[in-house]
Amino acid sequence: MFDNLSERLRGVADRVRGKGRLTEDNVSEAVRDVRRALLEADVALPVVRGFVERVRERAVGTEVNRSLSPGQAFIKVIHDELCEVLGAGAGGFELRHQAPVVILLAGLQGAGKTTTAGKLARYLQQRQGKRVMLTSLDTRRPAAMLQLERLAGQVGADWHPATPEQQPLVIAQAALAEARRVQAGVLILDTAGRTRLDEELLEEIKSLHGEIGPQETLFVIDSMAGQDAVNVAAAFGEALPLTGVILTKTDGDARGGAALSVKQVTGQPICFLGTGEDLDGLELFHPERMASRILGMGDVLSLVEEVEQKVDREQAEKLARKVRKGKGFDLDDLRSQLEQMMGMGGLEGLLDKLPLPGGMSGSQLAQQVDEKGLRRQVALINSMTPQERRFPKTINGSRKRRIAAGAGLAVPDLNRLLKQHIQMQKMMKKMSKGGMKRAMRGLPGLSGR
């Protein structure tokens, strides 16, 4: 989401590097570049003005710490201000209320409210152990009710049915009564949207909010909508007492302007980031971590948390024991590693959270690897017999043709997979004998030669 902005801001730091002091002249030039980068990222003009002015005031005349270059000192100023704009220190998502906690989702049609409702239900069930009930108040679009019902079934949440003939308020009141009866911890209300903002929509949701009194009112905004999204956010913020924001489609080709504008425009913090259509694609928003990612410093804490949530610990320990005992790393093990990587958002999702050398972004590095190739590799392994996965050396020419045909691929694709597996086998053997350092020397491109 922030690739272009990250590249521009890192370029600013490079240009002030090597100076003994941040003077008014070199800071003015750098600040102009920051301003241009923010405007190109579609950040709201009032936000840009305030951001640039604060950076200028803090940076001019700043003495550089002995351990820091001027570029690093300037980046620290930008990092601190990014944290402020993104909502550092602001209140976040809060469920410490009497059950059932009612969460009202508001926003325009197409922003991803219904999918977000399903993702949020899964998040609350898995991360906080809540019993969640879902219901749709979108009586104008029956397909939305059917979609949310299916999502409820997929995530294992309770579902309160309704019909398009009912009034949204009647549905909400009945769902609340049902949530109390079954002792659900959270009730998520998915409201109707429009393709554009109008007074009727705002009055309807304002009246609904007044009658139901939800503990959380979250504004769902499409991060790819740019300035239009900011204007919509301002209108909803005036009509409703919002408590937070959920940014959707953050894995798309967005310039990041909505993320950097919405907190100041609505006065409420970003609570969650949504990615893709996968129901696991919702992560808690941390302003400080996002600021670090924007500046190319990575987000290792979020990566560690994601690994703890999504990696099969028992499977990982089994593989570790296998490696320590010097047993072979077979194709079943390789398939397991590939599937877990894809379950964590693929290569780009992983690399975006790592501090990469040379100012390269996760998406740039991921483009050098064919991510679809991971799925093709899994398909090839699935096309093998259990015996072939355990003993790859038994795969001769006729077996290769059968396996490749079964996966809908060619024999050269299979040969590449088998070659990669041999390299990983060698790496695992070195790890069992001489630790990680020797293993890394065995990987192409990491030996330093």
Protein backbone atom coordinates (compact mmCIF):
# COMPACT_ATOMS: atom_id res chain seq x y z
CA MET A 1 0.00 0.00 0.00
CA PHE A 2 2.84 2.42 0.76
CA ASP A 3 5.47 1.30 -1.76
CA ASN A 4 5.80 4.62 -3.65
CA LEU A 5 5.61 6.72 -0.48
CA SER A 6 8.21 4.53 1.23
CA GLU A 7 10.57 4.85 -1.72
CA ARG A 8 10.23 8.64 -1.80
CA LEU A 9 10.73 9.12 1.94
CA ARG A 10 13.80 6.87 1.99
CA GLY A 11 15.16 8.95 -0.90
CA VAL A 12 14.70 12.10 1.20
CA ALA A 13 16.77 10.57 4.01
CA ASP A 14 19.51 9.60 1.56
CA ARG A 15 19.80 13.18 0.33
CA VAL A 16 20.36 14.66 3.81
CA ARG A 17 22.81 11.92 4.79
CA GLY A 18 26.38 13.04 5.28
CA LYS A 19 25.51 16.51 6.57
CA GLY A 20 27.01 17.45 9.94
CA ARG A 21 23.90 19.38 10.92
CA LEU A 22 20.29 19.69 9.77
CA THR A 23 20.20 23.35 8.67
CA GLU A 24 17.24 25.37 7.53
CA ASP A 25 18.35 25.13 3.88
CA ASN A 26 18.77 21.36 3.63
CA VAL A 27 15.71 20.74 5.80
CA SER A 28 13.59 23.04 3.58
CA GLU A 29 14.60 21.05 0.53
CA ALA A 30 13.89 17.75 2.27
CA VAL A 31 10.54 18.99 3.57
CA ARG A 32 9.51 20.00 0.03
CA ASP A 33 10.24 16.44 -1.06
CA VAL A 34 8.22 15.05 1.85
CA ARG A 35 5.31 17.32 0.94
CA ARG A 36 5.44 16.19 -2.69
CA ALA A 37 5.58 12.52 -1.64
CA LEU A 38 2.53 12.90 0.61
CA LEU A 39 0.50 14.70 -2.05
CA GLU A 40 1.36 12.02 -4.61
CA ALA A 41 0.17 9.43 -2.06
CA ASP A 42 -3.24 11.20 -2.12
CA VAL A 43 -3.05 12.38 1.49
CA ALA A 44 -5.64 15.08 2.32
CA LEU A 45 -4.18 18.59 1.88
CA PRO A 46 -4.90 19.80 5.48
CA VAL A 47 -3.13 16.70 6.80
CA VAL A 48 -0.14 17.36 4.52
CA ARG A 49 0.12 20.98 5.65
CA GLY A 50 0.07 20.12 9.34
CA PHE A 51 2.48 17.20 8.91
CA VAL A 52 5.05 19.21 6.93
CA GLU A 53 4.94 22.16 9.31
CA ARG A 54 5.54 19.96 12.36
CA VAL A 55 8.41 18.16 10.63
CA ARG A 56 10.00 21.49 9.68
CA GLU A 57 9.74 22.87 13.22
CA ARG A 58 11.28 19.78 14.79
CA ALA A 59 14.02 19.24 12.21
CA VAL A 60 15.51 22.70 11.75
CA GLY A 61 18.59 23.07 13.93
CA THR A 62 18.31 19.58 15.38
CA GLU A 63 21.71 18.43 16.63
CA VAL A 64 22.58 15.00 15.33
CA ASN A 65 23.22 12.37 18.00
CA ARG A 66 26.71 10.88 17.90
CA SER A 67 25.32 7.52 16.89
CA LEU A 68 22.99 8.88 14.22
CA SER A 69 23.56 10.38 10.80
CA PRO A 70 21.48 13.43 9.85
CA GLY A 71 19.43 11.18 7.57
CA GLN A 72 18.59 8.89 10.47
CA ALA A 73 17.76 11.86 12.69
CA PHE A 74 15.44 13.26 10.02
CA ILE A 75 13.81 9.86 9.51
CA LYS A 76 13.18 9.67 13.27
CA VAL A 77 11.35 13.01 13.08
CA ILE A 78 9.26 11.73 10.17
CA HIS A 79 8.62 8.43 11.99
CA ASP A 80 7.37 10.23 15.10
CA GLU A 81 5.06 12.44 13.04
CA LEU A 82 3.76 9.47 11.03
CA CYS A 83 2.91 7.77 14.33
CA GLU A 84 1.01 10.87 15.39
CA VAL A 85 -0.94 11.11 12.11
CA LEU A 86 -1.76 7.40 12.18
CA GLY A 87 -3.12 7.65 15.71
CA ALA A 88 -0.40 6.71 18.22
CA GLY A 89 -1.72 6.97 21.76
CA ALA A 90 -5.34 7.10 20.62
CA GLY A 91 -7.94 4.78 22.08
CA GLY A 92 -8.50 1.57 20.12
CA PHE A 93 -10.92 -1.27 19.79
CA GLU A 94 -12.60 -1.92 23.15
CA LEU A 95 -14.76 -4.88 24.20
CA ARG A 96 -14.82 -4.34 27.95
CA HIS A 97 -18.57 -3.77 28.07
CA GLN A 98 -21.48 -5.82 29.31
CA ALA A 99 -22.28 -8.63 26.87
CA PRO A 100 -23.47 -8.66 24.23
CA VAL A 101 -21.20 -5.92 22.90
CA VAL A 102 -22.91 -4.43 19.84
CA ILE A 103 -20.64 -3.49 16.92
CA LEU A 104 -22.21 -1.41 14.13
CA LEU A 105 -20.38 -1.37 10.78
CA ALA A 106 -21.00 1.70 8.60
CA GLY A 107 -19.73 2.75 5.19
CA LEU A 108 -20.49 2.97 1.50
CA GLN A 109 -21.46 0.01 -0.68
CA GLY A 110 -18.38 -1.67 -2.10
CA ALA A 111 -16.11 -0.74 0.80
CA GLY A 112 -16.14 -4.35 2.00
CA LYS A 113 -18.45 -4.12 5.04
CA THR A 114 -20.03 -7.56 4.65
CA THR A 115 -16.72 -9.39 4.14
CA THR A 116 -15.26 -7.37 7.02
CA ALA A 117 -18.12 -8.48 9.27
CA GLY A 118 -17.16 -12.11 8.62
CA LYS A 119 -13.46 -11.41 9.13
CA LEU A 120 -14.14 -9.55 12.37
CA ALA A 121 -16.28 -12.42 13.65
CA ARG A 122 -13.46 -14.89 12.97
CA TYR A 123 -10.89 -12.57 14.59
CA LEU A 124 -12.94 -12.17 17.78
CA GLN A 125 -13.59 -15.90 17.99
CA GLN A 126 -9.99 -16.96 17.42
CA ARG A 127 -8.09 -14.18 19.20
CA GLN A 128 -10.47 -13.29 22.04
CA GLY A 129 -12.55 -16.44 22.44
CA LYS A 130 -15.84 -14.59 21.95
CA ARG A 131 -19.13 -16.12 20.87
CA VAL A 132 -20.20 -13.91 17.96
CA MET A 133 -23.57 -13.37 16.30
CA LEU A 134 -23.96 -11.77 12.88
CA THR A 135 -26.97 -10.16 11.24
CA SER A 136 -27.53 -8.03 8.14
CA LEU A 137 -29.59 -4.83 8.20
CA ASP A 138 -29.18 -4.33 4.44
CA THR A 139 -32.81 -4.73 3.36
CA ARG A 140 -32.16 -3.08 -0.01
CA ARG A 141 -29.74 -5.74 -1.16
CA PRO A 142 -30.98 -9.29 -0.38
CA ALA A 143 -27.73 -10.68 -1.77
CA ALA A 144 -25.93 -9.00 1.13
CA MET A 145 -28.03 -10.99 3.61
CA LEU A 146 -27.27 -14.24 1.81
CA GLN A 147 -23.57 -13.39 1.61
CA LEU A 148 -23.32 -12.66 5.33
CA GLU A 149 -25.28 -15.81 6.19
CA ARG A 150 -22.75 -17.87 4.23
CA LEU A 151 -19.85 -16.07 5.89
CA ALA A 152 -21.34 -16.77 9.31
CA GLY A 153 -21.45 -20.46 8.43
CA GLN A 154 -17.83 -20.41 7.21
CA VAL A 155 -16.48 -18.83 10.41
CA GLY A 156 -18.80 -20.75 12.75
CA ALA A 157 -20.61 -17.67 14.09
CA ASP A 158 -24.26 -17.51 15.16
CA TRP A 159 -26.59 -16.10 12.52
CA HIS A 160 -29.77 -14.11 13.11
CA PRO A 161 -31.96 -14.41 9.98
CA ALA A 162 -34.03 -11.57 8.54
CA THR A 163 -36.02 -10.73 5.42
CA PRO A 164 -35.89 -7.70 3.09
CA GLU A 165 -39.49 -6.87 4.09
CA GLN A 166 -38.43 -6.09 7.68
CA GLN A 167 -37.28 -2.68 8.88
CA PRO A 168 -33.54 -2.47 9.81
CA LEU A 169 -34.41 -1.32 13.35
CA VAL A 170 -36.77 -4.28 13.87
CA ILE A 171 -34.05 -6.68 12.70
CA ALA A 172 -31.46 -5.10 14.98
CA GLN A 173 -33.73 -5.21 18.04
CA ALA A 174 -34.65 -8.86 17.41
CA ALA A 175 -30.98 -9.78 16.89
CA LEU A 176 -30.03 -8.06 20.15
CA ALA A 177 -32.72 -9.97 22.04
CA GLU A 178 -31.55 -13.24 20.46
CA ALA A 179 -27.90 -12.47 21.29
CA ARG A 180 -28.85 -11.97 24.93
CA ARG A 181 -30.88 -15.20 24.93
CA VAL A 182 -28.01 -17.35 23.61
CA GLN A 183 -25.44 -15.41 25.68
CA ALA A 184 -23.38 -14.26 22.71
CA GLY A 185 -20.45 -12.06 23.66
CA VAL A 186 -20.60 -9.87 20.54
CA LEU A 187 -23.32 -8.89 18.06
CA ILE A 188 -22.10 -7.49 14.72
CA LEU A 189 -24.61 -5.44 12.73
CA ASP A 190 -23.84 -5.05 9.01
CA THR A 191 -25.67 -1.95 7.77
CA ALA A 192 -26.80 -0.94 4.28
CA GLY A 193 -24.56 1.15 2.07
CA ARG A 194 -24.94 3.19 -1.08
CA THR A 195 -22.81 3.60 -4.17
CA ARG A 196 -22.60 7.28 -3.21
CA LEU A 197 -23.12 9.38 -0.10
CA ASP A 198 -26.59 10.87 0.41
CA GLU A 199 -28.64 12.41 3.22
CA GLU A 200 -31.12 9.52 3.31
CA LEU A 201 -28.35 7.02 4.09
CA LEU A 202 -26.87 9.19 6.84
CA GLU A 203 -30.26 9.84 8.44
CA GLU A 204 -31.17 6.15 8.37
CA ILE A 205 -27.98 5.00 10.07
CA LYS A 206 -28.04 7.94 12.49
CA SER A 207 -31.57 6.98 13.60
CA LEU A 208 -30.59 3.31 13.89
CA HIS A 209 -27.58 4.19 16.00
CA GLY A 210 -29.69 6.32 18.33
CA GLU A 211 -32.18 3.50 18.94
CA ILE A 212 -29.70 0.62 19.35
CA GLY A 213 -26.84 2.45 21.09
CA PRO A 214 -23.93 0.23 19.94
CA GLN A 215 -20.80 0.18 22.06
CA GLU A 216 -18.59 0.26 18.94
CA THR A 217 -19.38 2.08 15.70
CA LEU A 218 -16.72 1.27 13.13
CA PHE A 219 -16.42 3.06 9.82
CA VAL A 220 -15.33 0.69 7.02
CA ILE A 221 -13.37 2.49 4.32
CA ASP A 222 -11.83 1.30 1.05
CA SER A 223 -8.16 2.28 1.19
CA MET A 224 -8.09 2.47 -2.63
CA ALA A 225 -10.71 5.21 -2.82
CA GLY A 226 -8.26 8.06 -2.16
CA GLN A 227 -9.66 11.55 -1.57
CA ASP A 228 -13.25 10.38 -2.11
CA ALA A 229 -12.85 8.05 0.88
CA VAL A 230 -11.63 10.93 3.03
CA ASN A 231 -14.68 13.06 2.12
CA VAL A 232 -17.02 10.16 2.94
CA ALA A 233 -15.20 9.59 6.24
CA ALA A 234 -15.71 13.23 7.19
CA ALA A 235 -19.47 13.01 6.48
CA PHE A 236 -19.91 9.81 8.49
CA GLY A 237 -17.80 11.27 11.29
CA GLU A 238 -20.16 14.25 11.54
CA ALA A 239 -23.31 12.09 11.42
CA LEU A 240 -22.23 9.33 13.83
CA PRO A 241 -20.21 9.08 17.04
CA LEU A 242 -17.63 6.79 15.43
CA THR A 243 -15.31 4.83 17.70
CA GLY A 244 -12.87 3.54 15.10
CA VAL A 245 -12.03 2.81 11.47
CA ILE A 246 -11.35 -0.37 9.50
CA LEU A 247 -9.26 0.06 6.34
CA THR A 248 -10.03 -2.58 3.69
CA LYS A 249 -8.20 -3.73 0.54
CA THR A 250 -4.85 -2.61 1.92
CA ASP A 251 -3.11 -5.26 -0.18
CA GLY A 252 -4.31 -3.57 -3.38
CA ASP A 253 -2.69 -0.84 -5.44
CA ALA A 254 -3.54 1.94 -2.98
CA ARG A 255 -1.34 4.98 -2.51
CA GLY A 256 -1.91 5.11 1.25
CA GLY A 257 -3.58 8.53 1.39
CA ALA A 258 -6.69 7.24 3.18
CA ALA A 259 -4.62 5.61 5.91
CA LEU A 260 -2.70 8.81 6.56
CA SER A 261 -5.80 11.05 6.45
CA VAL A 262 -8.67 9.17 8.04
CA LYS A 263 -7.66 9.47 11.69
CA GLN A 264 -7.37 13.26 11.53
CA VAL A 265 -10.54 13.60 9.44
CA THR A 266 -12.75 11.41 11.67
CA GLY A 267 -10.97 12.01 14.96
CA GLN A 268 -11.01 8.24 15.56
CA PRO A 269 -8.20 5.68 15.35
CA ILE A 270 -7.71 2.99 12.74
CA CYS A 271 -8.48 -0.30 14.50
CA PHE A 272 -7.98 -2.94 11.81
CA LEU A 273 -6.47 -3.48 8.36
CA GLY A 274 -8.23 -5.83 5.95
CA THR A 275 -6.46 -7.69 3.16
CA GLY A 276 -7.91 -9.83 0.35
CA GLU A 277 -11.02 -11.99 0.46
CA ASP A 278 -9.58 -14.61 2.82
CA LEU A 279 -11.46 -14.62 6.13
CA ASP A 280 -8.16 -14.59 8.04
CA GLY A 281 -7.19 -11.35 6.30
CA LEU A 282 -7.75 -8.94 9.20
CA GLU A 283 -5.00 -7.64 11.45
CA LEU A 284 -4.97 -5.27 14.41
CA PHE A 285 -3.57 -1.87 13.48
CA HIS A 286 -0.49 -0.56 15.31
CA PRO A 287 0.45 3.03 14.31
CA GLU A 288 4.10 2.72 15.39
CA ARG A 289 4.56 -0.52 13.46
CA MET A 290 2.90 0.88 10.34
CA ALA A 291 5.12 3.97 10.49
CA SER A 292 8.16 1.66 10.60
CA ARG A 293 6.87 -0.28 7.60
CA ILE A 294 6.32 2.93 5.62
CA LEU A 295 9.93 3.94 6.29
CA GLY A 296 11.30 0.54 5.30
CA MET A 297 12.18 -0.51 8.85
CA GLY A 298 9.96 -3.59 8.74
CA ASP A 299 7.47 -4.84 11.31
CA VAL A 300 9.06 -7.83 12.94
CA LEU A 301 6.72 -7.76 15.96
CA SER A 302 3.64 -8.24 13.77
CA LEU A 303 5.42 -10.98 11.85
CA VAL A 304 6.25 -12.83 15.08
CA GLU A 305 2.62 -12.53 16.25
CA GLU A 306 1.38 -13.81 12.88
CA VAL A 307 3.76 -16.76 13.01
CA GLU A 308 2.53 -17.64 16.52
CA GLN A 309 -1.08 -17.52 15.33
CA LYS A 310 -0.78 -19.31 12.00
CA VAL A 311 2.16 -21.69 12.14
CA ASP A 312 1.37 -25.21 13.28
CA ARG A 313 3.63 -25.43 16.33
CA GLU A 314 3.37 -29.21 16.62
CA GLN A 315 4.30 -29.65 12.97
CA ALA A 316 7.23 -27.23 13.31
CA GLU A 317 8.58 -29.07 16.37
CA LYS A 318 8.22 -32.39 14.55
CA LEU A 319 10.28 -31.04 11.63
CA ALA A 320 12.89 -29.63 14.05
CA ARG A 321 13.27 -33.02 15.76
CA LYS A 322 13.57 -34.65 12.37
CA VAL A 323 16.33 -32.25 11.32
CA ARG A 324 18.22 -32.67 14.61
CA LYS A 325 18.20 -36.46 14.16
CA GLY A 326 19.61 -36.08 10.66
CA LYS A 327 16.57 -37.59 8.97
CA GLY A 328 15.76 -36.58 5.41
CA PHE A 329 13.70 -33.50 4.55
CA ASP A 330 11.14 -35.08 2.25
CA LEU A 331 8.57 -33.59 -0.13
CA ASP A 332 5.81 -33.82 2.47
CA ASP A 333 7.90 -31.49 4.62
CA LEU A 334 8.43 -29.12 1.69
CA ARG A 335 4.69 -29.05 0.94
CA SER A 336 3.95 -28.25 4.59
CA GLN A 337 6.37 -25.28 4.51
CA LEU A 338 4.89 -23.95 1.26
CA GLU A 339 1.31 -24.21 2.56
CA GLN A 340 2.16 -22.41 5.78
CA MET A 341 3.88 -19.62 3.85
CA MET A 342 0.81 -19.16 1.63
CA GLY A 343 -1.41 -19.19 4.74
CA MET A 344 0.47 -16.15 6.05
CA GLY A 345 -0.37 -13.93 3.10
CA GLY A 346 2.22 -15.26 0.69
CA LEU A 347 5.68 -13.88 0.04
CA GLU A 348 4.67 -10.23 -0.20
CA GLY A 349 2.81 -10.38 3.11
CA LEU A 350 5.88 -11.82 4.81
CA LEU A 351 8.49 -9.64 3.13
CA ASP A 352 6.58 -6.40 3.79
CA LYS A 353 7.11 -6.99 7.51
CA LEU A 354 10.87 -7.50 7.20
CA PRO A 355 13.48 -4.70 7.08
CA LEU A 356 14.97 -5.32 3.62
CA PRO A 357 18.38 -4.12 2.41
CA GLY A 358 18.93 -1.57 -0.30
CA GLY A 359 15.63 0.24 0.22
CA MET A 360 13.75 -2.57 -1.52
CA SER A 361 10.10 -3.10 -0.61
CA GLY A 362 8.47 -6.46 0.06
CA SER A 363 6.33 -6.21 -3.06
CA GLN A 364 9.35 -5.40 -5.23
CA LEU A 365 11.21 -8.44 -3.93
CA ALA A 366 8.11 -10.64 -4.20
CA GLN A 367 7.77 -9.66 -7.87
CA GLN A 368 11.09 -11.39 -8.51
CA VAL A 369 9.52 -14.64 -7.32
CA ASP A 370 6.55 -16.18 -9.10
CA GLU A 371 4.12 -16.61 -6.19
CA LYS A 372 1.80 -18.68 -8.37
CA GLY A 373 4.76 -20.99 -8.66
CA LEU A 374 4.31 -21.91 -4.99
CA ARG A 375 0.81 -23.18 -5.74
CA ARG A 376 2.09 -25.08 -8.77
CA GLN A 377 4.73 -26.73 -6.59
CA VAL A 378 2.09 -27.83 -4.09
CA ALA A 379 0.00 -29.21 -6.97
CA LEU A 380 2.97 -31.24 -8.20
CA ILE A 381 3.62 -32.70 -4.75
CA ASN A 382 -0.08 -33.53 -4.38
CA SER A 383 0.11 -35.40 -7.68
CA MET A 384 2.71 -37.80 -6.24
CA THR A 385 2.11 -41.01 -4.33
CA PRO A 386 2.99 -41.06 -0.59
CA GLN A 387 5.97 -43.30 -1.46
CA GLU A 388 7.26 -40.79 -4.04
CA ARG A 389 6.93 -37.89 -1.61
CA ARG A 390 8.93 -39.82 0.98
CA PHE A 391 11.58 -41.13 -1.46
CA PRO A 392 11.96 -38.58 -4.31
CA LYS A 393 14.92 -40.49 -5.78
CA THR A 394 12.47 -43.15 -7.00
CA ILE A 395 10.89 -40.64 -9.39
CA ASN A 396 12.10 -41.75 -12.84
CA GLY A 397 11.17 -40.51 -16.31
CA SER A 398 7.80 -42.24 -16.61
CA ARG A 399 6.81 -41.20 -13.09
CA LYS A 400 7.77 -37.60 -13.88
CA ARG A 401 5.47 -37.59 -16.92
CA ARG A 402 2.58 -39.01 -14.85
CA ILE A 403 3.09 -36.53 -11.96
CA ALA A 404 3.39 -33.51 -14.25
CA ALA A 405 0.27 -34.52 -16.22
CA GLY A 406 -1.67 -35.04 -12.97
CA ALA A 407 -0.85 -31.46 -11.90
CA GLY A 408 -1.55 -30.03 -15.37
CA LEU A 409 2.09 -28.94 -15.70
CA ALA A 410 5.21 -29.89 -17.66
CA VAL A 411 8.12 -32.13 -16.70
CA PRO A 412 10.58 -29.15 -16.51
CA ASP A 413 8.35 -27.66 -13.78
CA LEU A 414 8.74 -30.89 -11.82
CA ASN A 415 12.50 -30.94 -12.41
CA ARG A 416 12.80 -27.44 -10.92
CA LEU A 417 10.83 -28.53 -7.87
CA LEU A 418 13.02 -31.60 -7.35
CA LYS A 419 16.19 -29.50 -7.73
CA GLN A 420 14.89 -27.01 -5.14
CA HIS A 421 14.08 -29.88 -2.80
CA ILE A 422 17.62 -31.25 -3.09
CA GLN A 423 19.02 -27.81 -2.19
CA MET A 424 16.77 -27.61 0.86
CA GLN A 425 17.75 -31.15 1.87
CA LYS A 426 21.42 -30.12 1.83
CA MET A 427 20.62 -27.03 3.88
CA MET A 428 18.76 -29.08 6.48
CA LYS A 429 21.67 -31.53 6.69
CA LYS A 430 24.10 -28.67 7.34
CA MET A 431 21.78 -27.30 10.02
CA SER A 432 21.76 -30.65 11.80
CA LYS A 433 25.59 -30.80 11.75
CA GLY A 434 26.87 -27.26 12.05
CA GLY A 435 24.06 -24.89 12.89
CA MET A 436 22.42 -22.03 11.03
CA LYS A 437 25.60 -20.26 9.91
CA ARG A 438 26.81 -23.21 7.86
CA ALA A 439 23.33 -23.71 6.42
CA MET A 440 23.09 -20.11 5.26
CA ARG A 441 26.46 -20.45 3.50
CA GLY A 442 24.90 -23.21 1.46
CA LEU A 443 22.09 -21.08 0.10
CA PRO A 444 22.61 -19.38 -3.28
CA GLY A 445 23.04 -15.64 -2.92
CA LEU A 446 23.70 -15.76 0.83
CA SER A 447 27.27 -17.00 0.84
CA GLY A 448 28.80 -13.59 0.22
CA ARG A 449 30.66 -14.95 -2.83
